[in-house]
Structures are given as C-alpha cells and as structure tokens.
Amino acid sequence: MTSSPIRILLVDDHPMVREGLVARLAAVSRFEVVGEAGNRLEALAQLARTAPDVVLMDVGLKDVNGIALVAEMLTAQPSVKLLMFSMYDNPEYVQRALQAGARGYVLKDAPATEIVSAIDAVAAGGTFLSAAVSGRLFRGQAPKPVLTPRESEILAKLGQGASSKQIARELDLSVRTVEAHRQSIKRKLDLEGQAELIRYAVEHGRER
C-alpha cells in the first residue's frame, strides 16, 4: 500500500526562490507541493484551500514577519506543521520561531538533502534545526565563562579605553601581570587577538 504524499505549501515573497524550491521538491516522489504564496493573505488563503501537512515559510516576508504569521496559521489550522526557511541563523530568530509554534528552522543555503530531511522530520511530528542554526543556538545558550574579580575589573577598564600601562598604574600591578590577566581573559572567552578582546570589553565589560 502506497502512503499518501507529504503535502507542502511554500510561502516566500520571491517567485524565483519558490520556483527553485518547487524544482527541488518535485524530485522527491513522496512530496507534493500543493500551493504557493508570496504574502500573508495568499498564505492564509492557500492554507485554507489546500490543507497542507507542512508549510515551508520564509522568515522575512515583505508584508509580515513570518514568525508572526506562524501563530495565525496555527490558529487557522492547528494540525499544520510549520517549518521556517531563512537566510538568517540568528539565535534570536530561531528561538522566537520555536516559541511561536514552528517545528523547525532550516537555512536557505542548506543542501537540498537537509531541506528534505527537515520536511520529513517535521511532517512526522518531530523537530529539525539546520546544523549551523543548532550550533549557534547552543553556543548562544552557553553560560558565560567565570572571570575572577580582578579579570572582570581589568576587562571593564579595557572597555573604558585604558591601556595595560594605565591599568597597571591604576591597580598597582605590574604591566606583566596585567598582560597575563589579558591572556587569561582571552582564553576563557575564546577570543582571538587583541582586537576581539577590546571589542568584547567595550560591548560587555560593564555587564560583569
């Protein structure tokens, strides 16, 4: 007995992107693209008309944020599975999409095999994150490395624009000791080079 195909609705405001997706997905016999939409109204209308199993939807639609549209689509058809399709691997976007009810998040530049796997996983009731997305998301959730009080103090002064000599004078330390602390801070924060250290100090030194 042949199982029913996975019915897919594509939502993207770029016709060429949709055309490329249709060509990719048409090569998979178990997939059936049942509709296309380029904006919010078209997406909701196609959802009602085609009753898809999976909606593959762009995050950055011109007339509405795709993440905001997730809730509307789930209200209209609670059983549908939403898979976000995006150029951006920003962890904040990913978290917001999942909180809104999306089952997965796949990147537009992902290999065709990954997009196919994502649709299969979501259609089966599971979840899917592109490898690059997953890596960034979990790095973003990692706890901050613990700096010593002295290291935090030096980081704050670096963020204020102080040099190692100035910090040494202000804290009554040797320049060599300050440089050792700088190396320790870079190692703990996984920073490469002095430029990254200074940028991090400017952006985060006051948080510690």
C-alpha atoms as a PDB file:
ATOM      1  CA  MET A   1       0.000   0.000   0.000  1.00  0.00           C
ATOM      2  CA  THR A   2       1.441   3.375  -1.056  1.00  0.00           C
ATOM      3  CA  SER A   3       1.445   6.027   1.667  1.00  0.00           C
ATOM      4  CA  SER A   4      -0.001   9.441   0.943  1.00  0.00           C
ATOM      5  CA  PRO A   5       2.486  12.097  -0.157  1.00  0.00           C
ATOM      6  CA  ILE A   6       3.534  14.877   2.202  1.00  0.00           C
ATOM      7  CA  ARG A   7       1.543  17.924   1.107  1.00  0.00           C
ATOM      8  CA  ILE A   8       3.635  21.099   1.167  1.00  0.00           C
ATOM      9  CA  LEU A   9       2.687  24.780   0.960  1.00  0.00           C
ATOM     10  CA  LEU A  10       5.530  27.170   0.064  1.00  0.00           C
ATOM     11  CA  VAL A  11       5.409  30.724   1.428  1.00  0.00           C
ATOM     12  CA  ASP A  12       8.105  33.087   0.143  1.00  0.00           C
ATOM     13  CA  ASP A  13       7.805  36.532  -1.406  1.00  0.00           C
ATOM     14  CA  HIS A  14      10.455  35.823  -4.063  1.00  0.00           C
ATOM     15  CA  PRO A  15       8.965  33.948  -7.051  1.00  0.00           C
ATOM     16  CA  MET A  16      12.384  32.682  -8.137  1.00  0.00           C
ATOM     17  CA  VAL A  17      13.004  31.186  -4.698  1.00  0.00           C
ATOM     18  CA  ARG A  18       9.654  29.395  -4.858  1.00  0.00           C
ATOM     19  CA  GLU A  19      10.416  28.205  -8.382  1.00  0.00           C
ATOM     20  CA  GLY A  20      13.742  26.769  -7.227  1.00  0.00           C
ATOM     21  CA  LEU A  21      12.085  25.056  -4.274  1.00  0.00           C
ATOM     22  CA  VAL A  22       9.393  23.525  -6.438  1.00  0.00           C
ATOM     23  CA  ALA A  23      12.084  22.097  -8.707  1.00  0.00           C
ATOM     24  CA  ARG A  24      13.998  20.670  -5.734  1.00  0.00           C
ATOM     25  CA  LEU A  25      10.979  19.165  -4.044  1.00  0.00           C
ATOM     26  CA  ALA A  26       9.464  17.784  -7.245  1.00  0.00           C
ATOM     27  CA  ALA A  27      12.438  15.432  -7.420  1.00  0.00           C
ATOM     28  CA  VAL A  28      11.252  13.757  -4.193  1.00  0.00           C
ATOM     29  CA  SER A  29       8.446  11.347  -5.005  1.00  0.00           C
ATOM     30  CA  ARG A  30       6.921  11.415  -1.517  1.00  0.00           C
ATOM     31  CA  PHE A  31       6.472  15.219  -1.641  1.00  0.00           C
ATOM     32  CA  GLU A  32       3.645  17.123  -3.300  1.00  0.00           C
ATOM     33  CA  VAL A  33       3.740  20.921  -3.499  1.00  0.00           C
ATOM     34  CA  VAL A  34       0.054  21.809  -3.238  1.00  0.00           C
ATOM     35  CA  GLY A  35       0.309  25.588  -3.161  1.00  0.00           C
ATOM     36  CA  GLU A  36       2.467  28.703  -3.216  1.00  0.00           C
ATOM     37  CA  ALA A  37       2.049  32.101  -1.586  1.00  0.00           C
ATOM     38  CA  GLY A  38       4.002  35.344  -1.607  1.00  0.00           C
ATOM     39  CA  ASN A  39       2.344  37.274   1.226  1.00  0.00           C
ATOM     40  CA  ARG A  40       0.177  36.936   4.335  1.00  0.00           C
ATOM     41  CA  LEU A  41      -3.251  36.959   2.672  1.00  0.00           C
ATOM     42  CA  GLU A  42      -2.199  34.491  -0.001  1.00  0.00           C
ATOM     43  CA  ALA A  43      -0.651  32.242   2.634  1.00  0.00           C
ATOM     44  CA  LEU A  44      -3.815  32.125   4.749  1.00  0.00           C
ATOM     45  CA  ALA A  45      -5.990  31.584   1.688  1.00  0.00           C
ATOM     46  CA  GLN A  46      -3.789  28.766   0.387  1.00  0.00           C
ATOM     47  CA  LEU A  47      -3.689  27.203   3.840  1.00  0.00           C
ATOM     48  CA  ALA A  48      -7.488  27.015   3.913  1.00  0.00           C
ATOM     49  CA  ARG A  49      -7.756  25.819   0.321  1.00  0.00           C
ATOM     50  CA  THR A  50      -5.011  23.184   0.214  1.00  0.00           C
ATOM     51  CA  ALA A  51      -4.879  21.853   3.821  1.00  0.00           C
ATOM     52  CA  PRO A  52      -1.135  21.083   3.654  1.00  0.00           C
ATOM     53  CA  ASP A  53       0.763  18.835   6.036  1.00  0.00           C
ATOM     54  CA  VAL A  54       3.780  21.153   6.127  1.00  0.00           C
ATOM     55  CA  VAL A  55       4.201  24.864   5.441  1.00  0.00           C
ATOM     56  CA  LEU A  56       7.722  25.837   4.411  1.00  0.00           C
ATOM     57  CA  MET A  57       7.753  29.570   5.154  1.00  0.00           C
ATOM     58  CA  ASP A  58      10.259  32.379   4.814  1.00  0.00           C
ATOM     59  CA  VAL A  59      11.011  34.404   7.943  1.00  0.00           C
ATOM     60  CA  GLY A  60      11.382  37.697   6.063  1.00  0.00           C
ATOM     61  CA  LEU A  61       8.150  38.271   4.138  1.00  0.00           C
ATOM     62  CA  LYS A  62       7.650  41.823   2.855  1.00  0.00           C
ATOM     63  CA  ASP A  63       4.215  42.448   4.367  1.00  0.00           C
ATOM     64  CA  VAL A  64       4.570  40.481   7.602  1.00  0.00           C
ATOM     65  CA  ASN A  65       7.201  38.816   9.721  1.00  0.00           C
ATOM     66  CA  GLY A  66       6.965  35.095   9.002  1.00  0.00           C
ATOM     67  CA  ILE A  67       7.346  34.306  12.700  1.00  0.00           C
ATOM     68  CA  ALA A  68       4.285  36.430  13.482  1.00  0.00           C
ATOM     69  CA  LEU A  69       2.358  34.569  10.789  1.00  0.00           C
ATOM     70  CA  VAL A  70       3.085  31.217  12.474  1.00  0.00           C
ATOM     71  CA  ALA A  71       0.551  31.887  15.228  1.00  0.00           C
ATOM     72  CA  GLU A  72      -2.138  32.922  12.717  1.00  0.00           C
ATOM     73  CA  MET A  73      -1.636  29.789  10.668  1.00  0.00           C
ATOM     74  CA  LEU A  74      -1.740  27.519  13.708  1.00  0.00           C
ATOM     75  CA  THR A  75      -4.938  29.206  14.892  1.00  0.00           C
ATOM     76  CA  ALA A  76      -6.484  28.625  11.467  1.00  0.00           C
ATOM     77  CA  GLN A  77      -5.228  25.036  11.180  1.00  0.00           C
ATOM     78  CA  PRO A  78      -3.784  23.640  14.434  1.00  0.00           C
ATOM     79  CA  SER A  79      -2.600  20.382  12.850  1.00  0.00           C
ATOM     80  CA  VAL A  80      -0.325  22.011  10.270  1.00  0.00           C
ATOM     81  CA  LYS A  81       3.445  21.759  10.787  1.00  0.00           C
ATOM     82  CA  LEU A  82       5.393  24.995  10.273  1.00  0.00           C
ATOM     83  CA  LEU A  83       8.994  24.864   9.039  1.00  0.00           C
ATOM     84  CA  MET A  84      10.802  28.200   8.842  1.00  0.00           C
ATOM     85  CA  PHE A  85      13.045  28.828   5.851  1.00  0.00           C
ATOM     86  CA  SER A  86      15.536  31.649   6.234  1.00  0.00           C
ATOM     87  CA  MET A  87      18.808  33.250   5.197  1.00  0.00           C
ATOM     88  CA  TYR A  88      19.478  34.169   8.823  1.00  0.00           C
ATOM     89  CA  ASP A  89      20.905  31.880  11.508  1.00  0.00           C
ATOM     90  CA  ASN A  90      20.352  34.450  14.260  1.00  0.00           C
ATOM     91  CA  PRO A  91      19.634  32.507  17.506  1.00  0.00           C
ATOM     92  CA  GLU A  92      17.011  35.089  18.492  1.00  0.00           C
ATOM     93  CA  TYR A  93      15.020  34.413  15.308  1.00  0.00           C
ATOM     94  CA  VAL A  94      15.256  30.676  15.896  1.00  0.00           C
ATOM     95  CA  GLN A  95      14.071  30.910  19.496  1.00  0.00           C
ATOM     96  CA  ARG A  96      11.187  33.230  18.577  1.00  0.00           C
ATOM     97  CA  ALA A  97      10.100  30.906  15.767  1.00  0.00           C
ATOM     98  CA  LEU A  98      10.080  27.854  18.034  1.00  0.00           C
ATOM     99  CA  GLN A  99       8.253  29.752  20.785  1.00  0.00           C
ATOM    100  CA  ALA A 100       5.616  30.793  18.230  1.00  0.00           C
ATOM    101  CA  GLY A 101       4.982  27.145  17.377  1.00  0.00           C
ATOM    102  CA  ALA A 102       7.270  26.384  14.427  1.00  0.00           C
ATOM    103  CA  ARG A 103       8.569  22.803  14.351  1.00  0.00           C
ATOM    104  CA  GLY A 104      11.842  23.566  12.616  1.00  0.00           C
ATOM    105  CA  TYR A 105      14.217  26.118  11.146  1.00  0.00           C
ATOM    106  CA  VAL A 106      16.258  25.425   8.024  1.00  0.00           C
ATOM    107  CA  LEU A 107      18.608  27.757   6.154  1.00  0.00           C
ATOM    108  CA  LYS A 108      18.061  28.730   2.532  1.00  0.00           C
ATOM    109  CA  ASP A 109      21.643  27.866   1.636  1.00  0.00           C
ATOM    110  CA  ALA A 110      21.384  24.412   3.205  1.00  0.00           C
ATOM    111  CA  PRO A 111      21.987  21.418   0.929  1.00  0.00           C
ATOM    112  CA  ALA A 112      18.866  20.011  -0.728  1.00  0.00           C
ATOM    113  CA  THR A 113      19.260  16.842   1.335  1.00  0.00           C
ATOM    114  CA  GLU A 114      18.995  18.856   4.549  1.00  0.00           C
ATOM    115  CA  ILE A 115      15.814  20.596   3.411  1.00  0.00           C
ATOM    116  CA  VAL A 116      14.325  17.209   2.512  1.00  0.00           C
ATOM    117  CA  SER A 117      15.311  15.817   5.920  1.00  0.00           C
ATOM    118  CA  ALA A 118      13.769  18.830   7.638  1.00  0.00           C
ATOM    119  CA  ILE A 119      10.436  18.360   5.854  1.00  0.00           C
ATOM    120  CA  ASP A 120      10.419  14.626   6.625  1.00  0.00           C
ATOM    121  CA  ALA A 121      11.177  15.215  10.302  1.00  0.00           C
ATOM    122  CA  VAL A 122       8.574  17.939  10.766  1.00  0.00           C
ATOM    123  CA  ALA A 123       5.899  16.027   8.830  1.00  0.00           C
ATOM    124  CA  ALA A 124       6.479  13.034  11.102  1.00  0.00           C
ATOM    125  CA  GLY A 125       5.782  15.172  14.169  1.00  0.00           C
ATOM    126  CA  GLY A 126       9.398  15.826  15.089  1.00  0.00           C
ATOM    127  CA  THR A 127      11.560  18.918  15.034  1.00  0.00           C
ATOM    128  CA  PHE A 128      14.524  19.967  12.916  1.00  0.00           C
ATOM    129  CA  LEU A 129      17.221  22.629  13.096  1.00  0.00           C
ATOM    130  CA  SER A 130      19.874  23.135  10.438  1.00  0.00           C
ATOM    131  CA  ALA A 131      23.301  22.127  11.744  1.00  0.00           C
ATOM    132  CA  ALA A 132      24.585  25.717  11.536  1.00  0.00           C
ATOM    133  CA  VAL A 133      21.493  27.004  13.354  1.00  0.00           C
ATOM    134  CA  SER A 134      21.777  24.392  16.083  1.00  0.00           C
ATOM    135  CA  GLY A 135      25.435  25.201  16.650  1.00  0.00           C
ATOM    136  CA  ARG A 136      24.806  28.938  17.011  1.00  0.00           C
ATOM    137  CA  LEU A 137      21.747  28.417  19.189  1.00  0.00           C
ATOM    138  CA  PHE A 138      23.535  26.210  21.705  1.00  0.00           C
ATOM    139  CA  ARG A 139      26.618  28.429  21.771  1.00  0.00           C
ATOM    140  CA  GLY A 140      24.317  31.349  22.482  1.00  0.00           C
ATOM    141  CA  GLN A 141      22.782  29.468  25.410  1.00  0.00           C
ATOM    142  CA  ALA A 142      26.118  28.549  26.941  1.00  0.00           C
ATOM    143  CA  PRO A 143      26.784  30.135  30.349  1.00  0.00           C
ATOM    144  CA  LYS A 144      29.238  32.991  30.485  1.00  0.00           C
ATOM    145  CA  PRO A 145      32.750  31.884  31.479  1.00  0.00           C
ATOM    146  CA  VAL A 146      33.571  32.810  35.053  1.00  0.00           C
ATOM    147  CA  LEU A 147      36.172  35.555  35.312  1.00  0.00           C
ATOM    148  CA  THR A 148      37.917  36.349  38.569  1.00  0.00           C
ATOM    149  CA  PRO A 149      37.077  39.695  40.194  1.00  0.00           C
ATOM    150  CA  ARG A 150      40.462  41.031  39.038  1.00  0.00           C
ATOM    151  CA  GLU A 151      39.873  39.871  35.471  1.00  0.00           C
ATOM    152  CA  SER A 152      36.429  41.492  35.463  1.00  0.00           C
ATOM    153  CA  GLU A 153      37.979  44.699  36.745  1.00  0.00           C
ATOM    154  CA  ILE A 154      40.614  44.688  34.012  1.00  0.00           C
ATOM    155  CA  LEU A 155      38.012  43.870  31.353  1.00  0.00           C
ATOM    156  CA  ALA A 156      35.929  46.865  32.463  1.00  0.00           C
ATOM    157  CA  LYS A 157      38.942  49.171  32.246  1.00  0.00           C
ATOM    158  CA  LEU A 158      39.815  47.839  28.796  1.00  0.00           C
ATOM    159  CA  GLY A 159      36.280  48.701  27.782  1.00  0.00           C
ATOM    160  CA  GLN A 160      36.875  52.250  29.005  1.00  0.00           C
ATOM    161  CA  GLY A 161      39.879  52.541  26.696  1.00  0.00           C
ATOM    162  CA  ALA A 162      42.672  52.084  29.227  1.00  0.00           C
ATOM    163  CA  SER A 163      45.994  50.587  28.123  1.00  0.00           C
ATOM    164  CA  SER A 164      47.856  47.873  30.021  1.00  0.00           C
ATOM    165  CA  LYS A 165      50.244  50.507  31.414  1.00  0.00           C
ATOM    166  CA  GLN A 166      47.369  52.683  32.625  1.00  0.00           C
ATOM    167  CA  ILE A 167      45.605  49.685  34.180  1.00  0.00           C
ATOM    168  CA  ALA A 168      48.822  48.602  35.894  1.00  0.00           C
ATOM    169  CA  ARG A 169      49.283  52.077  37.359  1.00  0.00           C
ATOM    170  CA  GLU A 170      45.652  52.391  38.499  1.00  0.00           C
ATOM    171  CA  LEU A 171      45.525  48.922  40.094  1.00  0.00           C
ATOM    172  CA  ASP A 172      49.091  48.979  41.439  1.00  0.00           C
ATOM    173  CA  LEU A 173      50.096  45.957  39.367  1.00  0.00           C
ATOM    174  CA  SER A 174      52.992  45.243  37.050  1.00  0.00           C
ATOM    175  CA  VAL A 175      52.384  45.517  33.313  1.00  0.00           C
ATOM    176  CA  ARG A 176      53.382  41.857  33.028  1.00  0.00           C
ATOM    177  CA  THR A 177      50.636  40.876  35.481  1.00  0.00           C
ATOM    178  CA  VAL A 178      48.031  42.869  33.555  1.00  0.00           C
ATOM    179  CA  GLU A 179      49.148  41.210  30.303  1.00  0.00           C
ATOM    180  CA  ALA A 180      48.837  37.783  31.960  1.00  0.00           C
ATOM    181  CA  HIS A 181      45.279  38.637  33.003  1.00  0.00           C
ATOM    182  CA  ARG A 182      44.504  39.766  29.460  1.00  0.00           C
ATOM    183  CA  GLN A 183      45.717  36.434  28.091  1.00  0.00           C
ATOM    184  CA  SER A 184      43.601  34.563  30.654  1.00  0.00           C
ATOM    185  CA  ILE A 185      40.506  36.604  29.733  1.00  0.00           C
ATOM    186  CA  LYS A 186      41.025  35.871  26.017  1.00  0.00           C
ATOM    187  CA  ARG A 187      41.400  32.156  26.710  1.00  0.00           C
ATOM    188  CA  LYS A 188      38.289  31.951  28.891  1.00  0.00           C
ATOM    189  CA  LEU A 189      36.158  33.941  26.439  1.00  0.00           C
ATOM    190  CA  ASP A 190      37.576  32.179  23.372  1.00  0.00           C
ATOM    191  CA  LEU A 191      38.671  35.461  21.804  1.00  0.00           C
ATOM    192  CA  GLU A 192      41.273  35.656  19.071  1.00  0.00           C
ATOM    193  CA  GLY A 193      43.665  38.591  19.147  1.00  0.00           C
ATOM    194  CA  GLN A 194      43.682  41.941  20.872  1.00  0.00           C
ATOM    195  CA  ALA A 195      41.065  43.492  18.569  1.00  0.00           C
ATOM    196  CA  GLU A 196      38.437  40.898  19.583  1.00  0.00           C
ATOM    197  CA  LEU A 197      39.334  41.379  23.244  1.00  0.00           C
ATOM    198  CA  ILE A 198      38.899  45.149  23.054  1.00  0.00           C
ATOM    199  CA  ARG A 199      35.632  44.857  21.100  1.00  0.00           C
ATOM    200  CA  TYR A 200      34.262  42.390  23.663  1.00  0.00           C
ATOM    201  CA  ALA A 201      35.406  44.654  26.520  1.00  0.00           C
ATOM    202  CA  VAL A 202      33.640  47.664  25.005  1.00  0.00           C
ATOM    203  CA  GLU A 203      30.416  45.706  24.433  1.00  0.00           C
ATOM    204  CA  HIS A 204      30.314  43.580  27.602  1.00  0.00           C
ATOM    205  CA  GLY A 205      32.803  44.860  30.156  1.00  0.00           C
ATOM    206  CA  ARG A 206      30.155  46.735  32.131  1.00  0.00           C
ATOM    207  CA  GLU A 207      27.883  43.673  32.339  1.00  0.00           C
ATOM    208  CA  ARG A 208      30.278  41.866  34.649  1.00  0.00           C
END
